[in-house]
């Protein structure tokens, strides 16, 4: 089975130019984490609650004035839509990921793969 057969195609994301407050409100309202960060259709990072806490709040910065670009993690673990689901599942579990961004071969964000974490890793 391929990733594209089970991924969610409607992806919520933020722009790197959004404020951290806007992104945090979106994360809270939609109960999404991590939140992909895209320029156009290109995935350039992810934003987590920890990113916000460490880089913005912990640094004494105002989330209403800081952009997502200042808080996001640019290193992203992702998969391709045509990859085998079993391989991606092992990678995600190894890295303790519950949601994996899915790209097409032109590296555009086309979906999210949501995986249940094994018991004891929540």
PDB file of N, CA and C in Angstrom:
ATOM      1  N   UNK A   1       0.848  -1.179   0.000  1.00  0.00           N
ATOM      2  CA  UNK A   1       0.000   0.000   0.000  1.00  0.00           C
ATOM      3  C   UNK A   1       0.891   1.239   0.000  1.00  0.00           C
ATOM      4  N   UNK A   2       0.488   2.230  -0.735  1.00  0.00           N
ATOM      5  CA  UNK A   2       1.243   3.485  -0.839  1.00  0.00           C
ATOM      6  C   UNK A   2       0.647   4.546   0.096  1.00  0.00           C
ATOM      7  N   UNK A   3       1.478   5.504   0.478  1.00  0.00           N
ATOM      8  CA  UNK A   3       1.062   6.592   1.367  1.00  0.00           C
ATOM      9  C   UNK A   3      -0.152   7.321   0.797  1.00  0.00           C
ATOM     10  N   UNK A   4      -0.168   7.586  -0.504  1.00  0.00           N
ATOM     11  CA  UNK A   4      -1.249   8.356  -1.121  1.00  0.00           C
ATOM     12  C   UNK A   4      -2.622   7.707  -0.954  1.00  0.00           C
ATOM     13  N   UNK A   5      -2.663   6.426  -0.654  1.00  0.00           N
ATOM     14  CA  UNK A   5      -3.928   5.725  -0.499  1.00  0.00           C
ATOM     15  C   UNK A   5      -4.587   5.996   0.856  1.00  0.00           C
ATOM     16  N   UNK A   6      -3.812   6.457   1.834  1.00  0.00           N
ATOM     17  CA  UNK A   6      -4.364   6.648   3.177  1.00  0.00           C
ATOM     18  C   UNK A   6      -4.141   8.048   3.755  1.00  0.00           C
ATOM     19  N   UNK A   7      -3.405   8.885   3.060  1.00  0.00           N
ATOM     20  CA  UNK A   7      -3.105  10.223   3.587  1.00  0.00           C
ATOM     21  C   UNK A   7      -4.335  11.126   3.533  1.00  0.00           C
ATOM     22  N   UNK A   8      -4.318  12.158   4.342  1.00  0.00           N
ATOM     23  CA  UNK A   8      -5.330  13.209   4.298  1.00  0.00           C
ATOM     24  C   UNK A   8      -4.855  14.238   3.290  1.00  0.00           C
ATOM     25  N   UNK A   9      -5.718  14.557   2.338  1.00  0.00           N
ATOM     26  CA  UNK A   9      -5.316  15.474   1.270  1.00  0.00           C
ATOM     27  C   UNK A   9      -5.525  16.948   1.626  1.00  0.00           C
ATOM     28  N   UNK A  10      -6.471  17.251   2.466  1.00  0.00           N
ATOM     29  CA  UNK A  10      -6.676  18.648   2.864  1.00  0.00           C
ATOM     30  C   UNK A  10      -5.724  18.956   4.006  1.00  0.00           C
ATOM     31  N   UNK A  11      -4.767  19.824   3.725  1.00  0.00           N
ATOM     32  CA  UNK A  11      -3.720  20.123   4.688  1.00  0.00           C
ATOM     33  C   UNK A  11      -3.851  21.555   5.178  1.00  0.00           C
ATOM     34  N   UNK A  12      -3.868  21.703   6.473  1.00  0.00           N
ATOM     35  CA  UNK A  12      -3.834  23.034   7.080  1.00  0.00           C
ATOM     36  C   UNK A  12      -2.369  23.399   7.279  1.00  0.00           C
ATOM     37  N   UNK A  13      -2.020  24.620   6.935  1.00  0.00           N
ATOM     38  CA  UNK A  13      -0.645  25.078   7.100  1.00  0.00           C
ATOM     39  C   UNK A  13      -0.654  26.581   7.334  1.00  0.00           C
ATOM     40  N   UNK A  14       0.516  27.121   7.644  1.00  0.00           N
ATOM     41  CA  UNK A  14       0.671  28.569   7.813  1.00  0.00           C
ATOM     42  C   UNK A  14       1.815  29.047   6.942  1.00  0.00           C
ATOM     43  N   UNK A  15       1.806  30.333   6.687  1.00  0.00           N
ATOM     44  CA  UNK A  15       2.879  30.995   5.958  1.00  0.00           C
ATOM     45  C   UNK A  15       3.974  31.387   6.954  1.00  0.00           C
ATOM     46  N   UNK A  16       5.205  31.452   6.510  1.00  0.00           N
ATOM     47  CA  UNK A  16       6.264  31.906   7.412  1.00  0.00           C
ATOM     48  C   UNK A  16       6.091  33.361   7.832  1.00  0.00           C
ATOM     49  N   UNK A  17       5.248  34.090   7.116  1.00  0.00           N
ATOM     50  CA  UNK A  17       5.018  35.497   7.443  1.00  0.00           C
ATOM     51  C   UNK A  17       3.851  35.705   8.410  1.00  0.00           C
ATOM     52  N   UNK A  18       3.083  34.667   8.704  1.00  0.00           N
ATOM     53  CA  UNK A  18       2.045  34.777   9.729  1.00  0.00           C
ATOM     54  C   UNK A  18       2.715  35.063  11.068  1.00  0.00           C
ATOM     55  N   UNK A  19       1.967  35.663  11.980  1.00  0.00           N
ATOM     56  CA  UNK A  19       2.526  35.852  13.319  1.00  0.00           C
ATOM     57  C   UNK A  19       2.438  34.524  14.073  1.00  0.00           C
ATOM     58  N   UNK A  20       3.271  34.398  15.073  1.00  0.00           N
ATOM     59  CA  UNK A  20       3.248  33.204  15.913  1.00  0.00           C
ATOM     60  C   UNK A  20       1.899  33.102  16.620  1.00  0.00           C
ATOM     61  N   UNK A  21       1.331  34.229  17.015  1.00  0.00           N
ATOM     62  CA  UNK A  21       0.017  34.215  17.658  1.00  0.00           C
ATOM     63  C   UNK A  21      -1.036  33.623  16.718  1.00  0.00           C
ATOM     64  N   UNK A  22      -1.045  34.044  15.459  1.00  0.00           N
ATOM     65  CA  UNK A  22      -1.998  33.511  14.481  1.00  0.00           C
ATOM     66  C   UNK A  22      -1.819  31.999  14.330  1.00  0.00           C
ATOM     67  N   UNK A  23      -0.574  31.571  14.247  1.00  0.00           N
ATOM     68  CA  UNK A  23      -0.294  30.139  14.097  1.00  0.00           C
ATOM     69  C   UNK A  23      -0.731  29.365  15.341  1.00  0.00           C
ATOM     70  N   UNK A  24      -0.451  29.907  16.516  1.00  0.00           N
ATOM     71  CA  UNK A  24      -0.838  29.238  17.762  1.00  0.00           C
ATOM     72  C   UNK A  24      -2.352  29.129  17.872  1.00  0.00           C
ATOM     73  N   UNK A  25      -3.061  30.175  17.469  1.00  0.00           N
ATOM     74  CA  UNK A  25      -4.527  30.131  17.495  1.00  0.00           C
ATOM     75  C   UNK A  25      -5.052  29.059  16.539  1.00  0.00           C
ATOM     76  N   UNK A  26      -4.422  28.937  15.386  1.00  0.00           N
ATOM     77  CA  UNK A  26      -4.819  27.915  14.418  1.00  0.00           C
ATOM     78  C   UNK A  26      -4.531  26.517  14.970  1.00  0.00           C
ATOM     79  N   UNK A  27      -3.370  26.357  15.567  1.00  0.00           N
ATOM     80  CA  UNK A  27      -3.007  25.069  16.161  1.00  0.00           C
ATOM     81  C   UNK A  27      -4.010  24.665  17.238  1.00  0.00           C
ATOM     82  N   UNK A  28      -4.407  25.625  18.057  1.00  0.00           N
ATOM     83  CA  UNK A  28      -5.356  25.352  19.137  1.00  0.00           C
ATOM     84  C   UNK A  28      -6.743  25.047  18.595  1.00  0.00           C
ATOM     85  N   UNK A  29      -7.223  25.880  17.684  1.00  0.00           N
ATOM     86  CA  UNK A  29      -8.572  25.707  17.139  1.00  0.00           C
ATOM     87  C   UNK A  29      -8.737  24.382  16.400  1.00  0.00           C
ATOM     88  N   UNK A  30      -7.690  23.961  15.696  1.00  0.00           N
ATOM     89  CA  UNK A  30      -7.771  22.739  14.891  1.00  0.00           C
ATOM     90  C   UNK A  30      -7.156  21.526  15.582  1.00  0.00           C
ATOM     91  N   UNK A  31      -6.570  21.742  16.755  1.00  0.00           N
ATOM     92  CA  UNK A  31      -5.889  20.675  17.502  1.00  0.00           C
ATOM     93  C   UNK A  31      -4.856  19.977  16.615  1.00  0.00           C
ATOM     94  N   UNK A  32      -4.009  20.793  15.959  1.00  0.00           N
ATOM     95  CA  UNK A  32      -2.995  20.276  15.044  1.00  0.00           C
ATOM     96  C   UNK A  32      -1.595  20.590  15.546  1.00  0.00           C
ATOM     97  N   UNK A  33      -0.776  19.579  15.563  1.00  0.00           N
ATOM     98  CA  UNK A  33       0.636  19.787  15.850  1.00  0.00           C
ATOM     99  C   UNK A  33       1.398  18.569  15.341  1.00  0.00           C
ATOM    100  N   UNK A  34       2.465  18.754  14.635  1.00  0.00           N
ATOM    101  CA  UNK A  34       3.030  20.024  14.208  1.00  0.00           C
ATOM    102  C   UNK A  34       2.228  20.634  13.060  1.00  0.00           C
ATOM    103  N   UNK A  35       2.392  21.914  12.877  1.00  0.00           N
ATOM    104  CA  UNK A  35       1.707  22.645  11.820  1.00  0.00           C
ATOM    105  C   UNK A  35       2.716  22.911  10.700  1.00  0.00           C
ATOM    106  N   UNK A  36       2.451  22.421   9.483  1.00  0.00           N
ATOM    107  CA  UNK A  36       3.382  22.682   8.377  1.00  0.00           C
ATOM    108  C   UNK A  36       3.475  24.174   8.068  1.00  0.00           C
ATOM    109  N   UNK A  37       4.660  24.594   7.630  1.00  0.00           N
ATOM    110  CA  UNK A  37       4.909  25.971   7.209  1.00  0.00           C
ATOM    111  C   UNK A  37       5.275  25.914   5.725  1.00  0.00           C
ATOM    112  N   UNK A  38       4.506  26.651   4.909  1.00  0.00           N
ATOM    113  CA  UNK A  38       4.704  26.595   3.457  1.00  0.00           C
ATOM    114  C   UNK A  38       4.848  27.979   2.854  1.00  0.00           C
ATOM    115  N   UNK A  39       5.723  28.071   1.866  1.00  0.00           N
ATOM    116  CA  UNK A  39       5.792  29.224   0.978  1.00  0.00           C
ATOM    117  C   UNK A  39       5.205  28.734  -0.340  1.00  0.00           C
ATOM    118  N   UNK A  40       4.022  29.232  -0.664  1.00  0.00           N
ATOM    119  CA  UNK A  40       3.314  28.681  -1.813  1.00  0.00           C
ATOM    120  C   UNK A  40       2.952  27.241  -1.501  1.00  0.00           C
ATOM    121  N   UNK A  41       3.349  26.324  -2.364  1.00  0.00           N
ATOM    122  CA  UNK A  41       3.088  24.902  -2.147  1.00  0.00           C
ATOM    123  C   UNK A  41       4.294  24.176  -1.557  1.00  0.00           C
ATOM    124  N   UNK A  42       5.371  24.894  -1.302  1.00  0.00           N
ATOM    125  CA  UNK A  42       6.617  24.291  -0.835  1.00  0.00           C
ATOM    126  C   UNK A  42       6.693  24.259   0.685  1.00  0.00           C
ATOM    127  N   UNK A  43       6.938  23.087   1.216  1.00  0.00           N
ATOM    128  CA  UNK A  43       7.125  22.904   2.657  1.00  0.00           C
ATOM    129  C   UNK A  43       8.504  23.414   3.030  1.00  0.00           C
ATOM    130  N   UNK A  44       8.566  24.366   3.962  1.00  0.00           N
ATOM    131  CA  UNK A  44       9.864  24.908   4.364  1.00  0.00           C
ATOM    132  C   UNK A  44      10.152  24.696   5.844  1.00  0.00           C
ATOM    133  N   UNK A  45       9.190  24.166   6.576  1.00  0.00           N
ATOM    134  CA  UNK A  45       9.401  23.933   7.996  1.00  0.00           C
ATOM    135  C   UNK A  45       8.144  23.425   8.668  1.00  0.00           C
ATOM    136  N   UNK A  46       8.248  23.232   9.968  1.00  0.00           N
ATOM    137  CA  UNK A  46       7.093  22.881  10.792  1.00  0.00           C
ATOM    138  C   UNK A  46       7.152  23.722  12.064  1.00  0.00           C
ATOM    139  N   UNK A  47       6.003  23.912  12.650  1.00  0.00           N
ATOM    140  CA  UNK A  47       5.901  24.677  13.887  1.00  0.00           C
ATOM    141  C   UNK A  47       5.239  23.815  14.946  1.00  0.00           C
ATOM    142  N   UNK A  48       5.877  23.740  16.096  1.00  0.00           N
ATOM    143  CA  UNK A  48       5.330  22.975  17.225  1.00  0.00           C
ATOM    144  C   UNK A  48       5.139  23.893  18.424  1.00  0.00           C
ATOM    145  N   UNK A  49       4.403  23.417  19.381  1.00  0.00           N
ATOM    146  CA  UNK A  49       4.238  24.152  20.624  1.00  0.00           C
ATOM    147  C   UNK A  49       5.578  24.362  21.318  1.00  0.00           C
ATOM    148  N   UNK A  50       6.448  23.380  21.211  1.00  0.00           N
ATOM    149  CA  UNK A  50       7.780  23.499  21.811  1.00  0.00           C
ATOM    150  C   UNK A  50       8.586  24.594  21.118  1.00  0.00           C
ATOM    151  N   UNK A  51       8.475  24.696  19.792  1.00  0.00           N
ATOM    152  CA  UNK A  51       9.157  25.776  19.065  1.00  0.00           C
ATOM    153  C   UNK A  51       8.737  27.136  19.620  1.00  0.00           C
ATOM    154  N   UNK A  52       7.428  27.282  19.809  1.00  0.00           N
ATOM    155  CA  UNK A  52       6.897  28.552  20.316  1.00  0.00           C
ATOM    156  C   UNK A  52       7.390  28.816  21.734  1.00  0.00           C
ATOM    157  N   UNK A  53       7.316  27.789  22.579  1.00  0.00           N
ATOM    158  CA  UNK A  53       7.724  27.951  23.982  1.00  0.00           C
ATOM    159  C   UNK A  53       9.207  28.286  24.113  1.00  0.00           C
ATOM    160  N   UNK A  54      10.046  27.594  23.364  1.00  0.00           N
ATOM    161  CA  UNK A  54      11.491  27.781  23.500  1.00  0.00           C
ATOM    162  C   UNK A  54      11.991  29.028  22.782  1.00  0.00           C
ATOM    163  N   UNK A  55      11.609  29.183  21.523  1.00  0.00           N
ATOM    164  CA  UNK A  55      12.181  30.269  20.721  1.00  0.00           C
ATOM    165  C   UNK A  55      11.496  31.615  20.925  1.00  0.00           C
ATOM    166  N   UNK A  56      10.224  31.606  21.240  1.00  0.00           N
ATOM    167  CA  UNK A  56       9.497  32.868  21.345  1.00  0.00           C
ATOM    168  C   UNK A  56       9.235  33.220  22.807  1.00  0.00           C
ATOM    169  N   UNK A  57       8.424  32.440  23.474  1.00  0.00           N
ATOM    170  CA  UNK A  57       8.069  32.741  24.864  1.00  0.00           C
ATOM    171  C   UNK A  57       9.301  32.711  25.764  1.00  0.00           C
ATOM    172  N   UNK A  58      10.091  31.648  25.658  1.00  0.00           N
ATOM    173  CA  UNK A  58      11.291  31.521  26.482  1.00  0.00           C
ATOM    174  C   UNK A  58      12.322  32.596  26.207  1.00  0.00           C
ATOM    175  N   UNK A  59      12.309  33.127  24.993  1.00  0.00           N
ATOM    176  CA  UNK A  59      13.234  34.191  24.626  1.00  0.00           C
ATOM    177  C   UNK A  59      12.715  35.571  24.956  1.00  0.00           C
ATOM    178  N   UNK A  60      11.525  35.647  25.562  1.00  0.00           N
ATOM    179  CA  UNK A  60      10.959  36.929  25.951  1.00  0.00           C
ATOM    180  C   UNK A  60      10.389  37.730  24.793  1.00  0.00           C
ATOM    181  N   UNK A  61      10.060  37.057  23.686  1.00  0.00           N
ATOM    182  CA  UNK A  61       9.533  37.743  22.505  1.00  0.00           C
ATOM    183  C   UNK A  61       8.009  37.759  22.515  1.00  0.00           C
ATOM    184  N   UNK A  62       7.439  38.730  21.848  1.00  0.00           N
ATOM    185  CA  UNK A  62       5.987  38.890  21.745  1.00  0.00           C
ATOM    186  C   UNK A  62       5.467  38.065  20.563  1.00  0.00           C
ATOM    187  N   UNK A  63       4.630  37.053  20.817  1.00  0.00           N
ATOM    188  CA  UNK A  63       4.113  36.225  19.732  1.00  0.00           C
ATOM    189  C   UNK A  63       3.242  36.990  18.731  1.00  0.00           C
ATOM    190  N   UNK A  64       2.758  38.147  19.123  1.00  0.00           N
ATOM    191  CA  UNK A  64       1.966  38.968  18.205  1.00  0.00           C
ATOM    192  C   UNK A  64       2.848  39.723  17.215  1.00  0.00           C
ATOM    193  N   UNK A  65       4.135  39.825  17.517  1.00  0.00           N
ATOM    194  CA  UNK A  65       5.057  40.574  16.668  1.00  0.00           C
ATOM    195  C   UNK A  65       6.061  39.683  15.937  1.00  0.00           C
ATOM    196  N   UNK A  66       6.228  38.468  16.413  1.00  0.00           N
ATOM    197  CA  UNK A  66       7.195  37.551  15.791  1.00  0.00           C
ATOM    198  C   UNK A  66       6.530  36.742  14.689  1.00  0.00           C
ATOM    199  N   UNK A  67       7.270  36.498  13.637  1.00  0.00           N
ATOM    200  CA  UNK A  67       6.743  35.687  12.544  1.00  0.00           C
ATOM    201  C   UNK A  67       7.019  34.205  12.794  1.00  0.00           C
ATOM    202  N   UNK A  68       6.248  33.401  12.103  1.00  0.00           N
ATOM    203  CA  UNK A  68       6.430  31.955  12.172  1.00  0.00           C
ATOM    204  C   UNK A  68       7.852  31.586  11.761  1.00  0.00           C
ATOM    205  N   UNK A  69       8.399  32.298  10.789  1.00  0.00           N
ATOM    206  CA  UNK A  69       9.766  32.018  10.325  1.00  0.00           C
ATOM    207  C   UNK A  69      10.765  32.042  11.485  1.00  0.00           C
ATOM    208  N   UNK A  70      10.568  32.937  12.449  1.00  0.00           N
ATOM    209  CA  UNK A  70      11.480  33.045  13.584  1.00  0.00           C
ATOM    210  C   UNK A  70      11.338  31.890  14.567  1.00  0.00           C
ATOM    211  N   UNK A  71      10.209  31.218  14.553  1.00  0.00           N
ATOM    212  CA  UNK A  71       9.945  30.170  15.528  1.00  0.00           C
ATOM    213  C   UNK A  71      10.025  28.761  14.973  1.00  0.00           C
ATOM    214  N   UNK A  72       9.815  28.603  13.675  1.00  0.00           N
ATOM    215  CA  UNK A  72       9.673  27.269  13.077  1.00  0.00           C
ATOM    216  C   UNK A  72      10.983  26.477  13.097  1.00  0.00           C
ATOM    217  N   UNK A  73      10.828  25.174  12.947  1.00  0.00           N
ATOM    218  CA  UNK A  73      11.969  24.278  12.762  1.00  0.00           C
ATOM    219  C   UNK A  73      12.097  24.009  11.265  1.00  0.00           C
ATOM    220  N   UNK A  74      13.215  24.396  10.657  1.00  0.00           N
ATOM    221  CA  UNK A  74      13.346  24.200   9.217  1.00  0.00           C
ATOM    222  C   UNK A  74      13.688  22.762   8.822  1.00  0.00           C
ATOM    223  N   UNK A  75      14.167  21.959   9.767  1.00  0.00           N
ATOM    224  CA  UNK A  75      14.479  20.566   9.469  1.00  0.00           C
ATOM    225  C   UNK A  75      13.187  19.776   9.559  1.00  0.00           C
ATOM    226  N   UNK A  76      12.740  19.232   8.428  1.00  0.00           N
ATOM    227  CA  UNK A  76      11.458  18.543   8.387  1.00  0.00           C
ATOM    228  C   UNK A  76      11.652  17.099   7.942  1.00  0.00           C
ATOM    229  N   UNK A  77      11.072  16.191   8.703  1.00  0.00           N
ATOM    230  CA  UNK A  77      11.006  14.802   8.266  1.00  0.00           C
ATOM    231  C   UNK A  77       9.706  14.671   7.491  1.00  0.00           C
ATOM    232  N   UNK A  78       9.796  14.194   6.270  1.00  0.00           N
ATOM    233  CA  UNK A  78       8.626  14.078   5.409  1.00  0.00           C
ATOM    234  C   UNK A  78       8.722  12.774   4.632  1.00  0.00           C
ATOM    235  N   UNK A  79       7.672  12.475   3.893  1.00  0.00           N
ATOM    236  CA  UNK A  79       7.691  11.319   3.009  1.00  0.00           C
ATOM    237  C   UNK A  79       7.096  11.725   1.670  1.00  0.00           C
ATOM    238  N   UNK A  80       7.221  10.841   0.701  1.00  0.00           N
ATOM    239  CA  UNK A  80       6.626  11.073  -0.610  1.00  0.00           C
ATOM    240  C   UNK A  80       5.355  10.247  -0.752  1.00  0.00           C
ATOM    241  N   UNK A  81       4.420  10.770  -1.497  1.00  0.00           N
ATOM    242  CA  UNK A  81       3.119  10.124  -1.648  1.00  0.00           C
ATOM    243  C   UNK A  81       3.196   8.740  -2.283  1.00  0.00           C
ATOM    244  N   UNK A  82       4.237   8.465  -3.052  1.00  0.00           N
ATOM    245  CA  UNK A  82       4.341   7.169  -3.712  1.00  0.00           C
ATOM    246  C   UNK A  82       5.197   6.159  -2.938  1.00  0.00           C
ATOM    247  N   UNK A  83       5.602   6.503  -1.726  1.00  0.00           N
ATOM    248  CA  UNK A  83       6.372   5.574  -0.903  1.00  0.00           C
ATOM    249  C   UNK A  83       5.467   4.505  -0.295  1.00  0.00           C
ATOM    250  N   UNK A  84       6.082   3.398   0.049  1.00  0.00           N
ATOM    251  CA  UNK A  84       5.352   2.313   0.713  1.00  0.00           C
ATOM    252  C   UNK A  84       4.986   2.733   2.130  1.00  0.00           C
ATOM    253  N   UNK A  85       3.740   2.520   2.496  1.00  0.00           N
ATOM    254  CA  UNK A  85       3.237   2.909   3.807  1.00  0.00           C
ATOM    255  C   UNK A  85       4.019   2.247   4.937  1.00  0.00           C
ATOM    256  N   UNK A  86       4.353   0.995   4.787  1.00  0.00           N
ATOM    257  CA  UNK A  86       5.055   0.273   5.850  1.00  0.00           C
ATOM    258  C   UNK A  86       6.403   0.922   6.182  1.00  0.00           C
ATOM    259  N   UNK A  87       7.139   1.342   5.150  1.00  0.00           N
ATOM    260  CA  UNK A  87       8.437   1.985   5.373  1.00  0.00           C
ATOM    261  C   UNK A  87       8.274   3.315   6.106  1.00  0.00           C
ATOM    262  N   UNK A  88       7.300   4.092   5.689  1.00  0.00           N
ATOM    263  CA  UNK A  88       7.067   5.392   6.313  1.00  0.00           C
ATOM    264  C   UNK A  88       6.587   5.215   7.750  1.00  0.00           C
ATOM    265  N   UNK A  89       5.778   4.214   7.980  1.00  0.00           N
ATOM    266  CA  UNK A  89       5.283   3.935   9.334  1.00  0.00           C
ATOM    267  C   UNK A  89       6.442   3.633  10.276  1.00  0.00           C
ATOM    268  N   UNK A  90       7.390   2.824   9.824  1.00  0.00           N
ATOM    269  CA  UNK A  90       8.558   2.511  10.656  1.00  0.00           C
ATOM    270  C   UNK A  90       9.370   3.766  10.950  1.00  0.00           C
ATOM    271  N   UNK A  91       9.585   4.597   9.934  1.00  0.00           N
ATOM    272  CA  UNK A  91      10.325   5.845  10.123  1.00  0.00           C
ATOM    273  C   UNK A  91       9.621   6.738  11.141  1.00  0.00           C
ATOM    274  N   UNK A  92       8.320   6.900  10.979  1.00  0.00           N
ATOM    275  CA  UNK A  92       7.547   7.764  11.874  1.00  0.00           C
ATOM    276  C   UNK A  92       7.580   7.245  13.309  1.00  0.00           C
ATOM    277  N   UNK A  93       7.422   5.971  13.482  1.00  0.00           N
ATOM    278  CA  UNK A  93       7.444   5.404  14.836  1.00  0.00           C
ATOM    279  C   UNK A  93       8.830   5.530  15.460  1.00  0.00           C
ATOM    280  N   UNK A  94       9.869   5.335  14.638  1.00  0.00           N
ATOM    281  CA  UNK A  94      11.243   5.454  15.123  1.00  0.00           C
ATOM    282  C   UNK A  94      11.527   6.869  15.619  1.00  0.00           C
ATOM    283  N   UNK A  95      10.922   7.848  14.974  1.00  0.00           N
ATOM    284  CA  UNK A  95      11.136   9.258  15.346  1.00  0.00           C
ATOM    285  C   UNK A  95      10.027   9.812  16.234  1.00  0.00           C
ATOM    286  N   UNK A  96       9.135   8.940  16.683  1.00  0.00           N
ATOM    287  CA  UNK A  96       8.036   9.323  17.578  1.00  0.00           C
ATOM    288  C   UNK A  96       7.141  10.391  16.967  1.00  0.00           C
ATOM    289  N   UNK A  97       6.816  10.209  15.697  1.00  0.00           N
ATOM    290  CA  UNK A  97       5.981  11.164  14.978  1.00  0.00           C
ATOM    291  C   UNK A  97       4.579  10.599  14.793  1.00  0.00           C
ATOM    292  N   UNK A  98       3.598  11.423  15.050  1.00  0.00           N
ATOM    293  CA  UNK A  98       2.217  11.019  14.821  1.00  0.00           C
ATOM    294  C   UNK A  98       1.669  11.546  13.500  1.00  0.00           C
ATOM    295  N   UNK A  99       2.306  12.584  12.974  1.00  0.00           N
ATOM    296  CA  UNK A  99       1.864  13.201  11.707  1.00  0.00           C
ATOM    297  C   UNK A  99       3.095  13.464  10.845  1.00  0.00           C
ATOM    298  N   UNK A 100       3.024  13.026   9.598  1.00  0.00           N
ATOM    299  CA  UNK A 100       4.148  13.180   8.686  1.00  0.00           C
ATOM    300  C   UNK A 100       3.671  13.947   7.448  1.00  0.00           C
ATOM    301  N   UNK A 101       4.313  15.076   7.119  1.00  0.00           N
ATOM    302  CA  UNK A 101       3.966  15.778   5.885  1.00  0.00           C
ATOM    303  C   UNK A 101       4.262  14.896   4.665  1.00  0.00           C
ATOM    304  N   UNK A 102       3.389  14.972   3.680  1.00  0.00           N
ATOM    305  CA  UNK A 102       3.532  14.172   2.459  1.00  0.00           C
ATOM    306  C   UNK A 102       3.756  15.108   1.275  1.00  0.00           C
ATOM    307  N   UNK A 103       4.820  14.826   0.515  1.00  0.00           N
ATOM    308  CA  UNK A 103       5.166  15.631  -0.651  1.00  0.00           C
ATOM    309  C   UNK A 103       5.013  14.813  -1.930  1.00  0.00           C
ATOM    310  N   UNK A 104       4.786  15.524  -3.043  1.00  0.00           N
ATOM    311  CA  UNK A 104       4.867  14.843  -4.328  1.00  0.00           C
ATOM    312  C   UNK A 104       6.328  14.933  -4.776  1.00  0.00           C
ATOM    313  N   UNK A 105       6.652  14.363  -5.914  1.00  0.00           N
ATOM    314  CA  UNK A 105       8.055  14.322  -6.350  1.00  0.00           C
ATOM    315  C   UNK A 105       8.571  15.685  -6.812  1.00  0.00           C
ATOM    316  N   UNK A 106       7.687  16.675  -6.926  1.00  0.00           N
ATOM    317  CA  UNK A 106       8.121  18.046  -7.203  1.00  0.00           C
ATOM    318  C   UNK A 106       8.304  18.813  -5.885  1.00  0.00           C
ATOM    319  N   UNK A 107       8.208  18.064  -4.782  1.00  0.00           N
ATOM    320  CA  UNK A 107       8.396  18.571  -3.413  1.00  0.00           C
ATOM    321  C   UNK A 107       7.337  19.582  -2.987  1.00  0.00           C
ATOM    322  N   UNK A 108       6.117  19.410  -3.502  1.00  0.00           N
ATOM    323  CA  UNK A 108       4.982  20.223  -3.065  1.00  0.00           C
ATOM    324  C   UNK A 108       4.228  19.452  -1.991  1.00  0.00           C
ATOM    325  N   UNK A 109       3.747  20.177  -0.985  1.00  0.00           N
ATOM    326  CA  UNK A 109       2.955  19.559   0.078  1.00  0.00           C
ATOM    327  C   UNK A 109       1.604  19.139  -0.494  1.00  0.00           C
ATOM    328  N   UNK A 110       1.308  17.837  -0.406  1.00  0.00           N
ATOM    329  CA  UNK A 110       0.056  17.322  -0.971  1.00  0.00           C
ATOM    330  C   UNK A 110      -0.805  16.598   0.058  1.00  0.00           C
ATOM    331  N   UNK A 111      -0.293  16.416   1.272  1.00  0.00           N
ATOM    332  CA  UNK A 111      -1.087  15.714   2.271  1.00  0.00           C
ATOM    333  C   UNK A 111      -0.366  15.573   3.599  1.00  0.00           C
ATOM    334  N   UNK A 112      -1.073  14.936   4.511  1.00  0.00           N
ATOM    335  CA  UNK A 112      -0.531  14.613   5.833  1.00  0.00           C
ATOM    336  C   UNK A 112      -0.864  13.156   6.107  1.00  0.00           C
ATOM    337  N   UNK A 113       0.104  12.435   6.625  1.00  0.00           N
ATOM    338  CA  UNK A 113      -0.123  11.057   7.036  1.00  0.00           C
ATOM    339  C   UNK A 113      -0.219  11.052   8.547  1.00  0.00           C
ATOM    340  N   UNK A 114      -1.370  10.668   9.067  1.00  0.00           N
ATOM    341  CA  UNK A 114      -1.572  10.591  10.514  1.00  0.00           C
ATOM    342  C   UNK A 114      -1.461   9.144  10.940  1.00  0.00           C
ATOM    343  N   UNK A 115      -0.630   8.907  11.929  1.00  0.00           N
ATOM    344  CA  UNK A 115      -0.374   7.552  12.413  1.00  0.00           C
ATOM    345  C   UNK A 115      -0.617   7.493  13.908  1.00  0.00           C
ATOM    346  N   UNK A 116      -1.151   6.380  14.343  1.00  0.00           N
ATOM    347  CA  UNK A 116      -1.285   6.172  15.781  1.00  0.00           C
ATOM    348  C   UNK A 116       0.082   5.823  16.315  1.00  0.00           C
ATOM    349  N   UNK A 117       0.400   6.366  17.464  1.00  0.00           N
ATOM    350  CA  UNK A 117       1.663   6.026  18.091  1.00  0.00           C
ATOM    351  C   UNK A 117       1.484   4.751  18.895  1.00  0.00           C
ATOM    352  N   UNK A 118       2.523   3.918  18.949  1.00  0.00           N
ATOM    353  CA  UNK A 118       2.425   2.710  19.773  1.00  0.00           C
ATOM    354  C   UNK A 118       2.172   3.074  21.225  1.00  0.00           C
ATOM    355  N   UNK A 119       1.485   2.192  21.939  1.00  0.00           N
ATOM    356  CA  UNK A 119       1.196   2.472  23.347  1.00  0.00           C
ATOM    357  C   UNK A 119       2.496   2.691  24.110  1.00  0.00           C
ATOM    358  N   UNK A 120       2.440   3.653  25.030  1.00  0.00           N
ATOM    359  CA  UNK A 120       3.611   3.986  25.821  1.00  0.00           C
ATOM    360  C   UNK A 120       4.476   5.061  25.202  1.00  0.00           C
ATOM    361  N   UNK A 121       4.135   5.518  23.981  1.00  0.00           N
ATOM    362  CA  UNK A 121       4.917   6.566  23.325  1.00  0.00           C
ATOM    363  C   UNK A 121       4.100   7.802  23.077  1.00  0.00           C
ATOM    364  N   UNK A 122       3.145   8.095  23.908  1.00  0.00           N
ATOM    365  CA  UNK A 122       2.255   9.233  23.696  1.00  0.00           C
ATOM    366  C   UNK A 122       2.694  10.419  24.435  1.00  0.00           C
TER     367      UNK A 122
END
